[in-house]
Protein backbone atom coordinates (compact mmCIF):
# COMPACT_ATOMS: atom_id res chain seq x y z
CA MET A 1 -18.13 14.34 8.90
CA ARG A 2 -16.46 17.16 6.96
CA LEU A 3 -16.71 17.48 3.18
CA ALA A 4 -14.08 19.00 0.90
CA ASP A 5 -16.13 22.21 0.65
CA GLY A 6 -15.92 22.69 4.43
CA ARG A 7 -19.48 21.62 5.32
CA GLU A 8 -19.78 19.47 8.45
CA PHE A 9 -22.52 16.95 9.32
CA SER A 10 -23.20 14.52 12.13
CA GLY A 11 -23.95 10.87 11.56
CA ARG A 12 -24.63 7.56 13.28
CA VAL A 13 -23.75 3.94 12.61
CA ILE A 14 -26.81 2.02 11.42
CA GLY A 15 -25.26 -1.32 10.50
CA TYR A 16 -22.20 -3.55 10.76
CA ALA A 17 -21.05 -6.36 8.52
CA ASP A 18 -20.43 -9.76 10.08
CA GLU A 19 -17.13 -10.57 11.79
CA ASN A 20 -15.47 -11.60 8.54
CA LEU A 21 -15.94 -8.18 6.92
CA ASP A 22 -14.51 -4.90 8.22
CA LEU A 23 -17.40 -2.62 7.17
CA ALA A 24 -19.90 -0.33 8.86
CA ALA A 25 -22.63 1.91 7.41
CA VAL A 26 -23.05 5.49 8.65
CA GLN A 27 -26.25 7.47 8.10
CA ILE A 28 -25.55 11.19 7.65
CA ASP A 29 -27.96 13.69 9.19
CA GLY A 30 -27.96 16.07 6.24
CA GLY A 31 -31.62 17.05 5.84
CA ASP A 32 -32.23 17.83 2.18
CA SER A 33 -28.54 18.11 1.36
CA LYS A 34 -27.20 16.19 -1.60
CA PHE A 35 -23.86 14.44 -1.32
CA PRO A 36 -21.34 13.24 -3.92
CA VAL A 37 -21.52 9.50 -4.59
CA VAL A 38 -18.82 7.08 -5.72
CA PRO A 39 -20.23 4.55 -8.23
CA LEU A 40 -19.48 0.86 -7.72
CA ALA A 41 -17.43 -0.76 -10.47
CA ASN A 42 -19.36 -3.31 -12.51
CA SER A 43 -16.22 -5.26 -13.45
CA THR A 44 -13.90 -6.96 -10.98
CA ALA A 45 -10.41 -5.62 -10.35
CA GLN A 46 -7.52 -7.11 -12.33
CA VAL A 47 -3.94 -7.70 -11.24
CA GLY A 48 -1.70 -4.97 -12.65
CA GLN A 49 -4.37 -2.31 -13.15
CA GLN A 50 -3.88 1.11 -11.61
CA ALA A 51 -5.49 1.78 -8.23
CA PHE A 52 -6.13 5.08 -6.44
CA ALA A 53 -6.66 5.42 -2.68
CA ILE A 54 -8.34 8.40 -0.99
CA GLY A 55 -8.34 9.00 2.77
CA ASN A 56 -7.09 10.99 5.72
CA PRO A 57 -3.81 9.27 6.70
CA PHE A 58 -2.32 10.70 9.88
CA GLY A 59 -5.08 13.35 9.87
CA LEU A 60 -4.10 14.76 6.44
CA GLN A 61 -7.52 15.19 4.85
CA GLY A 62 -8.11 14.39 1.19
CA THR A 63 -4.86 12.51 0.56
CA PHE A 64 -4.69 10.82 -2.86
CA THR A 65 -2.19 8.01 -3.55
CA VAL A 66 -1.53 5.93 -6.66
CA GLY A 67 -0.43 2.32 -7.10
CA ILE A 68 -1.47 -0.93 -8.75
CA VAL A 69 -3.51 -3.98 -7.83
CA SER A 70 -0.74 -6.39 -6.77
CA ARG A 71 -2.82 -9.47 -6.03
CA ILE A 72 -6.44 -10.61 -5.77
CA ASP A 73 -7.52 -13.18 -3.21
CA SER A 74 -10.87 -14.18 -4.71
CA GLU A 75 -11.52 -16.78 -2.01
CA ARG A 76 -11.31 -14.20 0.77
CA GLY A 77 -12.63 -11.28 -1.28
CA LEU A 78 -9.48 -9.17 -0.78
CA ILE A 79 -7.46 -6.88 -3.02
CA GLN A 80 -3.79 -6.31 -2.29
CA THR A 81 -2.42 -2.99 -3.47
CA ASP A 82 0.82 -1.04 -3.21
CA ALA A 83 -1.04 2.29 -3.26
CA ALA A 84 0.05 3.95 -0.02
CA ILE A 85 -2.53 3.16 2.68
CA ASN A 86 -1.79 4.40 6.20
CA PRO A 87 -3.70 4.89 9.47
CA GLY A 88 -6.64 7.11 8.54
CA ASN A 89 -7.22 5.49 5.14
CA SER A 90 -9.47 2.74 6.55
CA GLY A 91 -12.98 3.00 5.14
CA GLY A 92 -11.81 5.12 2.22
CA PRO A 93 -12.29 4.13 -1.41
CA LEU A 94 -9.92 2.25 -3.67
CA LEU A 95 -10.77 3.45 -7.18
CA ASN A 96 -10.05 2.46 -10.77
CA ARG A 97 -9.12 4.88 -13.55
CA ASN A 98 -12.80 5.69 -14.12
CA GLY A 99 -13.31 6.82 -10.53
CA GLU A 100 -15.35 3.70 -9.70
CA LEU A 101 -15.10 1.83 -6.41
CA ILE A 102 -13.19 -1.46 -6.74
CA GLY A 103 -12.64 -1.87 -2.99
CA VAL A 104 -12.82 -0.36 0.49
CA ASN A 105 -9.41 0.21 2.08
CA THR A 106 -9.20 -1.61 5.35
CA SER A 107 -5.70 -2.46 6.62
CA ILE A 108 -1.97 -2.46 5.98
CA PHE A 109 1.01 -4.46 7.05
CA THR A 110 3.54 -2.37 8.94
CA THR A 111 6.83 -3.14 10.62
CA GLY A 112 5.81 -1.77 14.02
CA GLU A 113 3.34 0.30 16.01
CA ARG A 114 4.56 3.65 14.67
CA ALA A 115 5.57 2.54 11.22
CA GLY A 116 3.76 3.46 8.04
CA ASN A 117 2.94 1.60 4.88
CA ILE A 118 5.63 -0.63 3.32
CA GLY A 119 3.67 -1.49 0.17
CA ILE A 120 1.34 -4.24 1.42
CA GLY A 121 -2.17 -2.85 1.80
CA PHE A 122 -5.55 -4.55 1.64
CA ALA A 123 -9.01 -3.55 0.48
CA ILE A 124 -12.34 -5.36 0.59
CA ALA A 125 -13.36 -6.09 -3.00
CA THR A 126 -16.59 -4.53 -4.32
CA PRO A 127 -18.39 -7.90 -4.79
CA GLN A 128 -18.05 -8.36 -1.01
CA VAL A 129 -19.39 -4.85 -0.36
CA ARG A 130 -22.58 -5.10 -2.43
CA PRO A 131 -24.41 -7.66 -0.20
CA PHE A 132 -23.67 -5.53 2.88
CA ILE A 133 -25.14 -2.43 1.21
CA THR A 134 -28.24 -4.45 0.32
CA ALA A 135 -28.57 -5.67 3.93
CA VAL A 136 -28.34 -2.09 5.21
CA GLN A 137 -30.98 -0.92 2.74
CA ASN A 138 -33.27 -3.81 3.72
CA GLY A 139 -32.77 -3.18 7.43
CA THR A 140 -31.31 -6.67 8.00
CA ALA A 141 -27.72 -5.63 8.84
CA THR A 142 -26.68 -6.19 12.45
CA THR A 143 -26.34 -3.15 14.70
CA THR A 144 -23.74 -4.81 16.91
CA ALA A 145 -20.05 -4.62 16.04
CA SER A 146 -18.20 -7.95 16.04
CA ARG A 147 -15.02 -6.98 14.22
CA GLN A 148 -11.69 -7.61 15.95
CA ARG A 149 -9.32 -4.70 16.52
CA GLN A 150 -6.34 -4.18 14.19
CA ALA A 151 -3.11 -4.92 16.00
CA THR A 152 0.29 -3.63 14.94
CA GLN A 153 2.63 -6.35 16.10
CA ALA A 154 6.18 -6.00 14.77
CA PRO A 155 7.65 -8.94 12.79
CA SER A 156 10.00 -11.37 14.46
CA PRO A 157 13.16 -12.57 12.67
CA VAL A 158 13.69 -16.13 11.47
CA VAL A 159 17.07 -17.62 10.52
CA ILE A 160 17.29 -19.99 7.55
CA ASP A 161 18.33 -23.42 8.84
CA GLY A 162 18.05 -22.00 12.36
CA SER A 163 15.99 -23.12 15.34
CA THR A 164 12.24 -23.68 15.22
CA ILE A 165 10.11 -20.61 15.95
CA GLN A 166 7.27 -21.26 18.40
CA ALA A 167 4.52 -18.66 18.41
CA ARG A 168 0.79 -18.18 18.85
CA LEU A 169 -2.08 -16.68 16.86
CA ASP A 170 -4.52 -14.81 19.09
CA SER A 171 -6.02 -11.38 19.78
CA ASN A 172 -2.51 -9.93 20.21
CA SER A 173 -1.68 -10.82 16.59
CA ASN A 174 -2.25 -8.71 13.50
CA VAL A 175 -5.63 -9.06 11.76
CA LEU A 176 -6.37 -9.41 8.06
CA PRO A 177 -9.63 -7.99 6.63
CA ASP A 178 -11.27 -11.45 6.75
CA ASN A 179 -10.73 -11.31 10.54
CA SER A 180 -8.05 -14.01 10.51
CA TYR A 181 -5.03 -13.52 12.74
CA PHE A 182 -1.50 -13.44 11.41
CA ASN A 183 2.01 -12.96 12.75
CA ALA A 184 4.74 -11.56 10.52
CA HIS A 185 8.23 -13.05 10.41
CA THR A 186 11.24 -11.88 8.40
CA PHE A 187 14.37 -13.55 7.09
CA GLU A 188 17.33 -12.55 4.98
CA GLY A 189 17.63 -14.37 1.66
CA ARG A 190 19.72 -14.25 -1.49
CA ALA A 191 18.87 -14.50 -5.17
CA GLY A 192 18.56 -18.09 -6.43
CA GLN A 193 18.40 -19.61 -2.94
CA ARG A 194 15.86 -22.41 -2.63
CA ILE A 195 14.05 -22.62 0.70
CA SER A 196 11.17 -24.45 2.30
CA ILE A 197 8.87 -22.69 4.78
CA THR A 198 6.75 -24.92 7.00
CA MET A 199 4.05 -23.99 9.49
CA THR A 200 2.74 -26.80 11.69
CA SER A 201 -0.06 -26.75 14.26
CA ASN A 202 -2.65 -29.04 15.80
CA GLN A 203 -4.71 -26.04 16.98
CA VAL A 204 -5.21 -23.90 13.86
CA ASP A 205 -5.54 -24.59 10.13
CA SER A 206 -2.18 -23.17 9.02
CA TYR A 207 -1.92 -20.72 6.12
CA LEU A 208 1.35 -19.29 4.75
CA LEU A 209 1.94 -16.21 2.58
CA LEU A 210 5.33 -14.96 1.38
CA TYR A 211 6.31 -11.47 0.20
CA GLY A 212 9.66 -10.36 -1.23
CA PRO A 213 11.94 -7.38 -0.50
CA ASN A 214 9.96 -5.24 -2.97
CA GLN A 215 6.67 -6.30 -1.37
CA GLU A 216 5.90 -8.55 -4.34
CA TYR A 217 3.66 -11.53 -3.63
CA LEU A 218 5.68 -14.74 -4.03
CA GLY A 219 3.23 -17.46 -3.07
CA GLU A 220 0.94 -19.01 -0.51
CA ASN A 221 -0.05 -22.42 0.80
CA ASP A 222 -3.00 -23.63 2.84
CA ASP A 223 -2.66 -27.38 3.29
CA SER A 224 0.47 -29.50 2.98
CA SER A 225 -0.36 -33.10 1.98
CA ASN A 226 -4.04 -32.51 2.87
CA SER A 227 -3.24 -31.74 6.51
CA GLN A 228 -3.78 -28.65 8.64
CA ASN A 229 -0.11 -27.81 8.21
CA ALA A 230 1.26 -25.58 5.43
CA ARG A 231 4.45 -25.75 3.36
CA LEU A 232 5.79 -23.35 0.75
CA ASP A 233 8.85 -24.16 -1.39
CA VAL A 234 10.29 -21.23 -3.32
CA THR A 235 13.36 -20.02 -5.18
CA LEU A 236 14.16 -16.52 -3.94
CA PRO A 237 14.27 -13.94 -6.76
CA THR A 238 16.61 -11.36 -5.21
CA ASN A 239 18.76 -10.45 -2.21
CA GLY A 240 17.05 -8.81 0.74
CA THR A 241 14.51 -9.10 3.55
CA TYR A 242 11.52 -11.41 3.01
CA PHE A 243 8.21 -11.32 4.91
CA ILE A 244 6.29 -14.42 6.00
CA PHE A 245 2.65 -14.12 7.08
CA ALA A 246 1.90 -17.02 9.45
CA ASN A 247 -1.89 -17.00 9.16
CA SER A 248 -4.92 -19.21 9.78
CA TYR A 249 -7.39 -20.30 7.12
CA GLY A 250 -10.47 -19.34 9.15
CA ALA A 251 -11.53 -16.18 10.95
CA SER A 252 -10.54 -15.76 14.60
CA GLU A 253 -8.71 -19.11 14.86
CA GLN A 254 -6.37 -19.12 17.85
CA GLY A 255 -3.60 -21.46 18.88
CA GLN A 256 0.08 -22.40 18.95
CA TYR A 257 2.16 -23.10 15.84
CA GLU A 258 5.75 -23.84 14.85
CA LEU A 259 7.57 -22.20 11.95
CA ASN A 260 10.73 -23.35 10.14
CA VAL A 261 12.66 -21.94 7.21
CA ASN A 262 15.11 -24.43 5.75
CA SER A 263 17.46 -24.36 2.78
CA LEU A 264 16.86 -26.74 -0.13
CA ASN A 265 20.11 -25.87 -1.91
CA ASP A 266 22.28 -28.59 -0.42
CA THR A 267 21.39 -31.42 -2.79
CA SER A 268 21.65 -31.22 -6.58
CA GLY A 269 18.52 -32.52 -8.22
CA TYR A 270 16.51 -32.32 -4.98
CA SER A 271 12.82 -33.14 -5.28
CA ASP A 272 10.13 -33.10 -2.64
CA ALA A 273 7.82 -35.93 -1.63
CA ASN A 274 5.68 -35.30 -4.73
CA GLY A 275 8.66 -35.28 -7.10
CA TYR A 276 8.88 -31.51 -7.60
CA LEU A 277 12.18 -29.72 -8.10
CA VAL A 278 10.21 -26.47 -8.05
CA ASN A 279 6.50 -25.96 -7.31
CA GLN A 280 5.71 -22.27 -7.13
CA SER A 281 2.68 -20.00 -7.37
CA GLY A 282 3.29 -16.37 -8.23
CA VAL A 283 2.09 -13.32 -10.10
CA LEU A 284 3.30 -11.29 -13.07
CA ASN A 285 2.77 -7.57 -12.58
CA ALA A 286 4.23 -4.14 -13.25
CA GLN A 287 6.76 -4.56 -10.42
CA ASP A 288 8.56 -7.35 -12.31
CA ASP A 289 11.51 -6.97 -14.66
CA ARG A 290 10.90 -6.95 -18.42
CA LEU A 291 12.39 -8.91 -21.31
CA THR A 292 13.62 -7.15 -24.47
CA ASP A 293 10.08 -7.32 -25.95
CA ASN A 294 8.87 -5.34 -22.88
CA SER A 295 6.92 -8.30 -21.42
CA PHE A 296 7.05 -9.02 -17.68
CA TYR A 297 8.86 -12.06 -16.32
CA ASP A 298 9.79 -13.94 -13.14
CA GLU A 299 12.81 -16.21 -12.83
CA TYR A 300 13.39 -19.44 -10.88
CA SER A 301 16.39 -21.76 -10.66
CA PHE A 302 16.96 -25.46 -9.98
CA SER A 303 19.84 -27.94 -10.02
CA ALA A 304 19.72 -31.26 -11.87
CA GLN A 305 21.83 -34.07 -13.32
CA GLN A 306 22.87 -34.70 -16.93
CA GLY A 307 20.28 -36.88 -18.67
CA GLN A 308 17.63 -36.19 -16.04
CA ASP A 309 14.15 -35.99 -17.60
CA VAL A 310 12.14 -33.01 -16.38
CA THR A 311 8.76 -31.52 -17.22
CA ILE A 312 8.29 -27.77 -16.71
CA THR A 313 4.69 -26.57 -16.66
CA LEU A 314 3.29 -23.05 -16.50
CA THR A 315 -0.46 -22.55 -16.09
CA SER A 316 -2.48 -19.35 -15.77
CA GLN A 317 -6.09 -18.25 -16.16
CA ASP A 318 -5.00 -14.60 -16.46
CA PHE A 319 -2.48 -14.52 -19.34
CA ASP A 320 -1.10 -16.48 -22.30
CA ALA A 321 1.75 -18.41 -20.67
CA TYR A 322 5.26 -18.55 -22.17
CA LEU A 323 8.18 -20.62 -20.84
CA LEU A 324 11.93 -20.35 -21.39
CA LEU A 325 14.62 -22.68 -20.06
CA ILE A 326 18.15 -21.25 -20.05
CA ASP A 327 21.51 -22.09 -18.53
CA ASN A 328 23.54 -19.92 -16.16
CA GLN A 329 25.31 -18.31 -19.13
CA GLY A 330 22.00 -17.08 -20.54
CA ASN A 331 21.90 -19.60 -23.40
CA LYS A 332 18.41 -20.72 -24.39
CA ILE A 333 17.90 -24.47 -24.08
CA ALA A 334 14.16 -24.75 -24.75
CA GLU A 335 10.98 -22.67 -24.96
CA ASN A 336 7.24 -23.19 -25.33
CA ASP A 337 4.20 -21.00 -25.91
CA ASP A 338 1.11 -23.24 -26.06
CA ILE A 339 0.69 -26.85 -24.92
CA SER A 340 -1.71 -27.31 -27.84
CA GLN A 341 -3.83 -25.30 -30.25
CA ASN A 342 -6.62 -25.13 -27.70
CA ASN A 343 -4.48 -24.75 -24.58
CA SER A 344 -2.61 -21.47 -23.92
CA ASN A 345 -0.66 -22.92 -20.96
CA ALA A 346 2.99 -23.78 -21.58
CA SER A 347 5.03 -26.95 -21.02
CA ILE A 348 8.60 -28.09 -21.71
CA ARG A 349 9.68 -31.76 -21.59
CA ILE A 350 13.40 -32.27 -21.90
CA SER A 351 16.33 -34.54 -21.05
CA LEU A 352 18.82 -32.13 -19.50
CA PRO A 353 22.16 -31.81 -21.34
CA TYR A 354 24.48 -31.43 -18.35
CA THR A 355 24.78 -31.50 -14.55
CA GLY A 356 24.39 -28.07 -13.00
CA ASP A 357 22.06 -25.15 -12.48
CA TYR A 358 19.19 -24.14 -14.77
CA ARG A 359 16.95 -21.08 -14.90
CA VAL A 360 13.24 -21.03 -15.76
CA ILE A 361 11.78 -17.80 -17.17
CA VAL A 362 8.06 -17.41 -16.44
CA ASN A 363 6.74 -15.03 -19.07
CA ALA A 364 3.61 -13.90 -20.95
CA TYR A 365 3.29 -14.14 -24.73
CA ASP A 366 2.70 -10.38 -25.08
CA GLN A 367 3.49 -7.13 -23.28
CA THR A 368 0.08 -6.87 -21.60
CA GLY A 369 0.17 -10.29 -19.93
CA GLN A 370 -0.21 -10.03 -16.14
CA GLY A 371 -1.79 -12.12 -13.38
CA GLN A 372 -1.46 -15.19 -11.21
CA TYR A 373 0.24 -18.41 -12.28
CA GLN A 374 1.45 -21.82 -11.12
CA MET A 375 4.84 -23.12 -12.25
CA SER A 376 6.33 -26.52 -11.54
CA VAL A 377 9.47 -28.48 -12.45
CA ARG A 378 9.38 -32.21 -11.84
């Protein structure tokens, strides 16, 4: 190990995390030497906050990159960031503005074996790191590595309304930090296009994630109709290349799956089996466009009939939700801030005035509002 001041020390691995966590502890043979220490953050990371990555990408020692926390997967203990993370950053710190550790950089999504970061990087969140540090200090951490290697499989293209893609998750696939396999697929989409992505398998518990042309997180789905299959319906926000992660819910699951991307734009007033015209999870963050009051917003569209009764609901635990319904000319039809005095979610119930296309603006009440949300039209 070489420090910034030029001193070099030897070390040895004294503990590994279990197979679901890409961490190892190295003991430095430094005698009486004192080393700089990065403090662990006491508070959890928040979507939209600044993030700073330090590492040695491509052998360039001491590289410092800046981005934001794009998404937090609390169930898997992962932080997604657009701070540039490349080969050589793994094991380096992801820091907040106070220089505290909010995560350990672990992997990126690339478009091929020699490609670099495209804005989708992952770090293991600090709450996942603390128990491993305790195990190392107590001498209970395993000394045998069980972590899978990180593959760099290039994405395969999918055509909307094209043939079914048949593929397999296994040790040749890419690996997320929770040790689950994933294959990446891409498709070309256009703004306002409504699509349905389905992943079916009788061998793995299917899990779908979708990212947009600007690497923004657009949604995910684990179980469709309480089955092992997954389905994600979404209105595409812009023109460009979209990325699908065909993933499994559990670590190291292997097996065949089928993937389809189909258009939902053919039928005006289309609703799915549960009655939804739109059912979309997403996130407001600094990558989104802003309204005139400088607040972030996402936009979705749907088609419906004159006199059709719809309920639009926006829920979030991260920000004060605000909904706008407008027509294609930009005229405001309805808006809502709070469902009730004690409920900061938003809801609009309306009988639509004409047959045609409508636009839903997912917004926060103030300029600082950022985070995950669920929006539905039914």
